[in-house]
Every structure is written in structure tokens, then in C-alpha cells.
C-alpha atoms as a PDB file:
ATOM      1  CA  MET A   1    -224.460-155.696  82.381  1.00  0.00           C
ATOM      2  CA  CYS A   2    -220.712-157.292  82.517  1.00  0.00           C
ATOM      3  CA  ARG A   3    -220.759-160.039  80.785  1.00  0.00           C
ATOM      4  CA  ASN A   4    -222.213-157.443  78.169  1.00  0.00           C
ATOM      5  CA  TYR A   5    -219.967-155.074  78.919  1.00  0.00           C
ATOM      6  CA  ARG A   6    -216.358-157.199  78.824  1.00  0.00           C
ATOM      7  CA  HIS A   7    -218.175-158.992  75.413  1.00  0.00           C
ATOM      8  CA  TYR A   8    -218.170-155.559  73.708  1.00  0.00           C
ATOM      9  CA  SER A   9    -214.848-154.481  75.306  1.00  0.00           C
ATOM     10  CA  ALA A  10    -213.565-157.611  73.764  1.00  0.00           C
ATOM     11  CA  VAL A  11    -215.514-157.231  70.095  1.00  0.00           C
ATOM     12  CA  LEU A  12    -213.812-153.311  70.423  1.00  0.00           C
ATOM     13  CA  VAL A  13    -210.416-154.473  70.564  1.00  0.00           C
ATOM     14  CA  LEU A  14    -210.433-157.344  68.199  1.00  0.00           C
ATOM     15  CA  VAL A  15    -211.658-154.605  65.649  1.00  0.00           C
ATOM     16  CA  LEU A  16    -209.118-152.323  66.708  1.00  0.00           C
ATOM     17  CA  SER A  17    -206.321-154.705  66.599  1.00  0.00           C
ATOM     18  CA  LEU A  18    -207.522-155.444  63.058  1.00  0.00           C
ATOM     19  CA  LEU A  19    -207.706-151.580  61.926  1.00  0.00           C
ATOM     20  CA  LEU A  20    -204.132-151.239  63.617  1.00  0.00           C
ATOM     21  CA  ALA A  21    -202.697-154.464  61.463  1.00  0.00           C
ATOM     22  CA  VAL A  22    -204.402-152.804  58.103  1.00  0.00           C
ATOM     23  CA  VAL A  23    -202.893-149.059  59.202  1.00  0.00           C
ATOM     24  CA  VAL A  24    -199.500-150.528  59.493  1.00  0.00           C
ATOM     25  CA  VAL A  25    -199.586-152.830  56.658  1.00  0.00           C
ATOM     26  CA  ALA A  26    -200.413-149.589  54.576  1.00  0.00           C
ATOM     27  CA  VAL A  27    -198.008-147.410  55.818  1.00  0.00           C
ATOM     28  CA  TYR A  28    -195.796-149.966  55.234  1.00  0.00           C
ATOM     29  CA  SER A  29    -196.497-150.631  51.287  1.00  0.00           C
ATOM     30  CA  ASN A  30    -196.723-146.408  50.861  1.00  0.00           C
ATOM     31  CA  GLY A  31    -193.130-145.825  52.562  1.00  0.00           C
ATOM     32  CA  ARG A  32    -191.480-148.963  50.464  1.00  0.00           C
ATOM     33  CA  SER A  33    -192.762-147.620  47.123  1.00  0.00           C
ATOM     34  CA  LEU A  34    -191.735-143.951  48.064  1.00  0.00           C
ATOM     35  CA  ALA A  35    -188.031-145.798  49.103  1.00  0.00           C
ATOM     36  CA  ASP A  36    -188.006-148.454  46.323  1.00  0.00           C
ATOM     37  CA  SER A  37    -184.869-148.992  45.741  1.00  0.00           C
ATOM     38  CA  ARG A  38    -184.681-149.723  41.832  1.00  0.00           C
ATOM     39  CA  ARG A  39    -186.012-145.868  41.164  1.00  0.00           C
ATOM     40  CA  ILE A  40    -183.627-144.563  44.036  1.00  0.00           C
ATOM     41  CA  ALA A  41    -180.620-146.914  42.341  1.00  0.00           C
ATOM     42  CA  SER A  42    -181.668-145.234  38.942  1.00  0.00           C
ATOM     43  CA  LEU A  43    -181.804-142.334  40.548  1.00  0.00           C
ATOM     44  CA  ALA A  44    -178.371-142.308  42.291  1.00  0.00           C
ATOM     45  CA  ALA A  45    -177.384-143.841  38.811  1.00  0.00           C
ATOM     46  CA  THR A  46    -178.466-140.607  36.793  1.00  0.00           C
ATOM     47  CA  LEU A  47    -176.343-138.675  39.342  1.00  0.00           C
ATOM     48  CA  ASP A  48    -173.269-140.385  38.373  1.00  0.00           C
ATOM     49  CA  SER A  49    -173.511-139.915  34.771  1.00  0.00           C
ATOM     50  CA  TYR A  50    -173.609-136.307  35.671  1.00  0.00           C
ATOM     51  CA  CYS A  51    -170.518-136.396  37.941  1.00  0.00           C
ATOM     52  CA  GLN A  52    -169.305-138.390  34.512  1.00  0.00           C
ATOM     53  CA  VAL A  53    -169.879-135.722  32.438  1.00  0.00           C
ATOM     54  CA  LEU A  54    -169.011-132.700  34.307  1.00  0.00           C
ATOM     55  CA  GLN A  55    -165.266-134.531  34.557  1.00  0.00           C
ATOM     56  CA  THR A  56    -165.546-134.935  30.959  1.00  0.00           C
ATOM     57  CA  GLN A  57    -165.861-131.162  30.417  1.00  0.00           C
ATOM     58  CA  LYS A  58    -163.648-130.298  32.903  1.00  0.00           C
ATOM     59  CA  ALA A  59    -161.045-132.482  30.864  1.00  0.00           C
ATOM     60  CA  VAL A  60    -162.590-130.717  27.665  1.00  0.00           C
ATOM     61  CA  TYR A  61    -161.799-127.301  29.008  1.00  0.00           C
ATOM     62  CA  LEU A  62    -158.722-127.946  30.490  1.00  0.00           C
ATOM     63  CA  GLY A  63    -157.868-128.618  27.071  1.00  0.00           C
ATOM     64  CA  PHE A  64    -159.235-125.450  25.456  1.00  0.00           C
ATOM     65  CA  TYR A  65    -157.735-123.400  28.230  1.00  0.00           C
ATOM     66  CA  ASP A  66    -153.986-124.623  27.678  1.00  0.00           C
ATOM     67  CA  SER A  67    -155.037-123.829  23.673  1.00  0.00           C
ATOM     68  CA  LEU A  68    -155.994-120.090  24.725  1.00  0.00           C
ATOM     69  CA  PRO A  69    -152.120-118.793  24.285  1.00  0.00           C
ATOM     70  CA  PRO A  70    -151.474-120.413  20.625  1.00  0.00           C
ATOM     71  CA  TYR A  71    -154.511-119.761  19.881  1.00  0.00           C
ATOM     72  CA  ARG A  72    -154.706-116.096  21.007  1.00  0.00           C
ATOM     73  CA  LYS A  73    -150.994-115.708  19.176  1.00  0.00           C
ATOM     74  CA  THR A  74    -152.684-116.811  15.889  1.00  0.00           C
ATOM     75  CA  LEU A  75    -155.701-114.507  16.056  1.00  0.00           C
ATOM     76  CA  GLN A  76    -153.231-111.510  16.880  1.00  0.00           C
ATOM     77  CA  ASN A  77    -151.211-112.574  13.806  1.00  0.00           C
ATOM     78  CA  LEU A  78    -154.413-112.787  11.376  1.00  0.00           C
ATOM     79  CA  THR A  79    -155.420-109.273  13.242  1.00  0.00           C
ATOM     80  CA  ALA A  80    -151.902-108.125  11.982  1.00  0.00           C
ATOM     81  CA  LEU A  81    -151.650-109.532   8.471  1.00  0.00           C
ATOM     82  CA  SER A  82    -155.368-107.944   7.820  1.00  0.00           C
ATOM     83  CA  GLN A  83    -154.126-104.740   9.068  1.00  0.00           C
ATOM     84  CA  ALA A  84    -151.208-105.134   6.258  1.00  0.00           C
ATOM     85  CA  LEU A  85    -153.718-105.807   3.668  1.00  0.00           C
ATOM     86  CA  HIS A  86    -154.977-102.726   4.210  1.00  0.00           C
ATOM     87  CA  PRO A  87    -153.185-100.420   2.119  1.00  0.00           C
ATOM     88  CA  LEU A  88    -152.801-103.106  -0.040  1.00  0.00           C
ATOM     89  CA  ALA A  89    -157.115-102.684  -0.742  1.00  0.00           C
ATOM     90  CA  GLN A  90    -156.654 -99.016  -1.291  1.00  0.00           C
ATOM     91  CA  ALA A  91    -153.701 -99.022  -3.736  1.00  0.00           C
ATOM     92  CA  THR A  92    -155.820-101.340  -5.751  1.00  0.00           C
ATOM     93  CA  ILE A  93    -159.006 -98.897  -5.310  1.00  0.00           C
ATOM     94  CA  LYS A  94    -156.622 -95.943  -6.263  1.00  0.00           C
ATOM     95  CA  LEU A  95    -155.057 -98.010  -8.910  1.00  0.00           C
ATOM     96  CA  SER A  96    -158.519 -98.203 -10.439  1.00  0.00           C
ATOM     97  CA  HIS A  97    -158.974 -94.746 -10.500  1.00  0.00           C
ATOM     98  CA  PHE A  98    -155.928 -94.211 -13.100  1.00  0.00           C
ATOM     99  CA  THR A  99    -157.131 -92.944 -16.428  1.00  0.00           C
ATOM    100  CA  LEU A 100    -155.329 -92.504 -19.755  1.00  0.00           C
ATOM    101  CA  GLY A 101    -157.629 -89.295 -21.218  1.00  0.00           C
ATOM    102  CA  GLU A 102    -161.185 -90.674 -20.658  1.00  0.00           C
ATOM    103  CA  TYR A 103    -160.422 -94.301 -20.545  1.00  0.00           C
ATOM    104  CA  ARG A 104    -159.682 -96.029 -17.333  1.00  0.00           C
ATOM    105  CA  PRO A 105    -157.399 -99.198 -17.933  1.00  0.00           C
ATOM    106  CA  PHE A 106    -158.177-100.646 -14.407  1.00  0.00           C
ATOM    107  CA  GLY A 107    -161.710 -99.799 -13.777  1.00  0.00           C
ATOM    108  CA  ARG A 108    -162.733-103.324 -13.341  1.00  0.00           C
ATOM    109  CA  ILE A 109    -160.549-103.849 -10.253  1.00  0.00           C
ATOM    110  CA  GLU A 110    -162.313-101.381  -8.222  1.00  0.00           C
ATOM    111  CA  GLU A 111    -165.082-103.077  -6.831  1.00  0.00           C
ATOM    112  CA  LEU A 112    -162.331-105.748  -5.772  1.00  0.00           C
ATOM    113  CA  GLY A 113    -160.759-103.747  -3.886  1.00  0.00           C
ATOM    114  CA  GLU A 114    -164.006-102.356  -2.284  1.00  0.00           C
ATOM    115  CA  LYS A 115    -164.951-105.652  -1.562  1.00  0.00           C
ATOM    116  CA  ILE A 116    -161.258-106.961  -0.205  1.00  0.00           C
ATOM    117  CA  GLN A 117    -161.192-103.817   2.478  1.00  0.00           C
ATOM    118  CA  GLY A 118    -164.996-104.241   3.553  1.00  0.00           C
ATOM    119  CA  SER A 119    -164.172-107.573   4.008  1.00  0.00           C
ATOM    120  CA  ILE A 120    -160.651-106.642   5.701  1.00  0.00           C
ATOM    121  CA  GLU A 121    -162.414-104.445   8.082  1.00  0.00           C
ATOM    122  CA  GLY A 122    -165.075-107.092   9.016  1.00  0.00           C
ATOM    123  CA  ILE A 123    -162.435-109.847   9.476  1.00  0.00           C
ATOM    124  CA  SER A 124    -160.371-107.629  11.781  1.00  0.00           C
ATOM    125  CA  GLU A 125    -163.151-106.273  13.983  1.00  0.00           C
ATOM    126  CA  SER A 126    -163.716-110.131  14.541  1.00  0.00           C
ATOM    127  CA  LEU A 127    -160.477-110.707  15.122  1.00  0.00           C
ATOM    128  CA  GLN A 128    -160.028-107.900  17.585  1.00  0.00           C
ATOM    129  CA  ALA A 129    -163.584-108.741  19.740  1.00  0.00           C
ATOM    130  CA  THR A 130    -162.406-112.612  19.878  1.00  0.00           C
ATOM    131  CA  ASP A 131    -158.780-111.478  20.867  1.00  0.00           C
ATOM    132  CA  LYS A 132    -160.215-109.082  23.618  1.00  0.00           C
ATOM    133  CA  ALA A 133    -162.708-111.632  24.886  1.00  0.00           C
ATOM    134  CA  LEU A 134    -160.430-114.194  25.218  1.00  0.00           C
ATOM    135  CA  GLY A 135    -158.430-111.657  26.887  1.00  0.00           C
ATOM    136  CA  ASN A 136    -161.277-111.070  29.809  1.00  0.00           C
ATOM    137  CA  PHE A 137    -160.643-114.875  30.590  1.00  0.00           C
ATOM    138  CA  ASP A 138    -157.387-114.606  33.312  1.00  0.00           C
ATOM    139  CA  GLU A 139    -156.282-116.664  35.946  1.00  0.00           C
ATOM    140  CA  GLN A 140    -158.968-115.965  38.334  1.00  0.00           C
ATOM    141  CA  ALA A 141    -161.776-116.813  36.028  1.00  0.00           C
ATOM    142  CA  HIS A 142    -159.691-120.207  35.297  1.00  0.00           C
ATOM    143  CA  VAL A 143    -159.668-121.172  38.930  1.00  0.00           C
ATOM    144  CA  GLU A 144    -163.368-119.801  39.381  1.00  0.00           C
ATOM    145  CA  VAL A 145    -164.463-122.177  36.487  1.00  0.00           C
ATOM    146  CA  LEU A 146    -162.953-125.054  38.257  1.00  0.00           C
ATOM    147  CA  THR A 147    -163.660-124.406  41.359  1.00  0.00           C
ATOM    148  CA  ALA A 148    -167.404-124.483  40.130  1.00  0.00           C
ATOM    149  CA  ILE A 149    -167.292-128.055  38.436  1.00  0.00           C
ATOM    150  CA  ASP A 150    -165.390-129.498  41.085  1.00  0.00           C
ATOM    151  CA  ARG A 151    -168.219-128.310  43.800  1.00  0.00           C
ATOM    152  CA  THR A 152    -170.896-129.639  41.610  1.00  0.00           C
ATOM    153  CA  THR A 153    -169.386-132.611  40.668  1.00  0.00           C
ATOM    154  CA  GLY A 154    -168.671-133.313  44.808  1.00  0.00           C
ATOM    155  CA  ASP A 155    -172.310-132.274  45.369  1.00  0.00           C
ATOM    156  CA  LEU A 156    -174.325-134.441  43.083  1.00  0.00           C
ATOM    157  CA  GLN A 157    -171.737-137.568  44.109  1.00  0.00           C
ATOM    158  CA  ASP A 158    -172.823-136.689  47.990  1.00  0.00           C
ATOM    159  CA  LEU A 159    -176.500-136.412  46.749  1.00  0.00           C
ATOM    160  CA  ALA A 160    -175.783-139.557  45.226  1.00  0.00           C
ATOM    161  CA  GLN A 161    -175.043-141.514  48.230  1.00  0.00           C
ATOM    162  CA  LEU A 162    -177.287-139.162  50.427  1.00  0.00           C
ATOM    163  CA  LEU A 163    -180.307-141.362  48.124  1.00  0.00           C
ATOM    164  CA  ARG A 164    -178.914-144.709  48.585  1.00  0.00           C
ATOM    165  CA  THR A 165    -178.139-144.242  52.332  1.00  0.00           C
ATOM    166  CA  GLN A 166    -181.545-142.617  52.666  1.00  0.00           C
ATOM    167  CA  ALA A 167    -183.350-145.357  50.591  1.00  0.00           C
ATOM    168  CA  THR A 168    -182.047-148.596  53.203  1.00  0.00           C
ATOM    169  CA  ALA A 169    -182.970-146.139  56.475  1.00  0.00           C
ATOM    170  CA  THR A 170    -186.517-146.002  55.143  1.00  0.00           C
ATOM    171  CA  GLU A 171    -186.421-149.585  54.314  1.00  0.00           C
ATOM    172  CA  ARG A 172    -185.091-150.840  57.723  1.00  0.00           C
ATOM    173  CA  SER A 173    -187.839-148.139  59.280  1.00  0.00           C
ATOM    174  CA  ALA A 174    -190.698-149.438  56.945  1.00  0.00           C
ATOM    175  CA  TRP A 175    -190.249-153.303  58.175  1.00  0.00           C
ATOM    176  CA  LEU A 176    -189.335-152.215  61.750  1.00  0.00           C
ATOM    177  CA  LEU A 177    -192.581-150.663  62.083  1.00  0.00           C
ATOM    178  CA  LEU A 178    -194.419-153.475  59.824  1.00  0.00           C
ATOM    179  CA  ALA A 179    -192.838-156.111  62.295  1.00  0.00           C
ATOM    180  CA  SER A 180    -193.632-153.702  65.723  1.00  0.00           C
ATOM    181  CA  GLY A 181    -197.064-152.984  64.507  1.00  0.00           C
ATOM    182  CA  LEU A 182    -198.181-156.248  63.221  1.00  0.00           C
ATOM    183  CA  LEU A 183    -196.752-157.484  67.031  1.00  0.00           C
ATOM    184  CA  VAL A 184    -198.662-154.668  68.678  1.00  0.00           C
ATOM    185  CA  ALA A 185    -202.147-155.856  66.882  1.00  0.00           C
ATOM    186  CA  CYS A 186    -201.205-159.081  67.742  1.00  0.00           C
ATOM    187  CA  LEU A 187    -201.372-158.654  71.356  1.00  0.00           C
ATOM    188  CA  PHE A 188    -204.426-156.205  71.551  1.00  0.00           C
ATOM    189  CA  ALA A 189    -205.795-159.689  69.477  1.00  0.00           C
ATOM    190  CA  LEU A 190    -204.455-161.533  72.273  1.00  0.00           C
ATOM    191  CA  LEU A 191    -206.251-159.775  74.832  1.00  0.00           C
ATOM    192  CA  GLY A 192    -209.555-158.799  72.783  1.00  0.00           C
ATOM    193  CA  LEU A 193    -210.096-162.853  72.758  1.00  0.00           C
ATOM    194  CA  ALA A 194    -208.855-163.057  76.562  1.00  0.00           C
ATOM    195  CA  LEU A 195    -211.745-160.906  77.550  1.00  0.00           C
ATOM    196  CA  LEU A 196    -214.198-162.461  74.870  1.00  0.00           C
ATOM    197  CA  PHE A 197    -213.964-166.057  76.296  1.00  0.00           C
ATOM    198  CA  GLU A 198    -213.165-164.861  79.982  1.00  0.00           C
ATOM    199  CA  PRO A 199    -215.569-166.786  81.763  1.00  0.00           C
ATOM    200  CA  PRO A 200    -217.882-164.835  84.509  1.00  0.00           C
ATOM    201  CA  ALA A 201    -217.197-164.445  87.863  1.00  0.00           C
ATOM    202  CA  LYS A 202    -219.792-165.960  89.205  1.00  0.00           C
ATOM    203  CA  GLU A 203    -219.144-169.158  86.959  1.00  0.00           C
ATOM    204  CA  ALA A 204    -215.374-168.654  87.958  1.00  0.00           C
ATOM    205  CA  GLU A 205    -216.455-168.833  91.552  1.00  0.00           C
ATOM    206  CA  ALA A 206    -218.439-171.714  90.881  1.00  0.00           C
ATOM    207  CA  GLN A 207    -216.164-173.877  88.747  1.00  0.00           C
ATOM    208  CA  LYS A 208    -213.929-173.241  91.716  1.00  0.00           C
ATOM    209  CA  ASN A 209    -216.435-174.570  94.210  1.00  0.00           C
END
């Protein structure tokens, strides 16, 4: 009875050692697939590319911000010019109404004057709206935009570095788990073999005598 119990125990220990080895290898394989260095490197490189794009956009934005004062000045000059042309359009329409008896010698320019007046009004409204929008973009807004770009760039760089570090740590942990798990499985296997091939107590005493 004792021999059968020892035999079954040895077989059970050997089976458990085999199962442990299989589980360790499976966990190691899954861990390596989750922390594939090539995919992690590709993702980190993508984040670095976004950082470069943001830095390029920041340079473009700074150039645009530097050009805002002369651009606004040009808009204001165009607005003043359009407003100065408004009396000319009115004078053209008025001239078209000039008559000699029943004849209007300048009647053909009435439509032209109306088109000029309509265009001037539309252009003036558009220029004033654009100038107002640019005027709302003050120094505080400029600082906030730069801060947001820098913060986003820094966060992306930190995330890329974190991914690389985490991938390395996960890969090392996977190797450590594999080595320690297989070592424990080997110890269980040796224990099972020792139990399996251990002679019965009586035989052991007989061998001693």
C-alpha cells in the first residue's frame, strides 16, 4: 500500500512538474508577444514622429505670429482703401442718373457702379471681420498656444521613453519567469523521480543487512 502511494505520488509530482513547465513556457511566450521589441520600437518611433511634426508646426506658427502685425496693417490699409472707394461708387451711380432731356448718356455705368458698391461692402465686411479675429489673438493666447504645444511634445516624448523602458522590463521579467519556472519544474521532476525510484523500506533494510 505504501509502495503504491509513493508510486502515485511520484507520478503526480512528475505530471505537475510537466504542467508547470508548459505553463511557464506559455506565459513566457505570451509575455514576449505582448512586449515585442519591434512593435514597441515602431510605436515609439511613431510617437517621436508626432513630436517632430508638432515642433515643425510650432516653427510655422511662430513665423505666422511674427507676420501678424504687418498682416493686420495690410488689412487695415485695404479696409481704408475700400471705404475710400465707396464714395466713388456712389458718385458713379449718381452720374449714371444724369439726363439730358429724356436721354441718359451715362446710364450704362449704373450697373457697374452698383457692382462696385456691392463688392466694396462685401470686401470691407470681410476685412473688418478678419482684423477683429486677429485682434483677439493677444499675447496671452500666444503663450497658451506655445505652452500647449510644448506640453504635448513633452508628454509624447515621455510616453515613447516609457514604452521603451516598459518593453525592456517586461522582456527581462519574462526571461526571469522562464528561468525560475523551469528550475522549479526541474526540482519537482527530480523529486518525483526520487520518489519513483526510491526502494521500499523493507528492501532498503535488507540491503543494509
